Amino acid sequence: MAGWAPDLSAALQRGYLAFFSCANDYSDLRGEVAMHELLGSRRVLPPRKNPFHAMSIVTEPIPDGATVRSGEWCRANFFIYAVRGLERRQDLGDGASSPPGDTDGSKSLQAHARELARFLKQTQQPSPVP
């Protein structure tokens, strides 16, 4: 998340229309939506299942003795959404939108992104395999 935050922020500040696709809802979509909320992105197409997703699903191996797949999975382009520009702007000092709760701009955008990624990983619960 931290790696693409500066480029994403720059594209949003320029008002570009951007479409994104994600491989699952429990990790990829959740993380990307959280990043866009952090940046203040203006959503023009809310996240939804993409009718043109990949046919194959990659899953973790079925554990010995289990009869049902569970755990992490991914399906290329399973969800799609679009953003254009920003809903709000507050300068962090590094040209990025200031996230909620950072009233003095003391954290960099990448520091916020790393903190968000840690939180999301700790609270991640895979959804059922489609």
Foldseek 3Di string as FASTA:
>chain_A
DLVCLVVVQVQQQVFDKDKDFFFACLATVVLVVVSCLQQQWAWPFPKDFDPPWAPDKDADDDDPPDDFGADDMTTGRGIMTMTTHHPDADDLPVNTRHGPPPVPSPDDSSVVSVVSNVVSVVPGGGDGDD
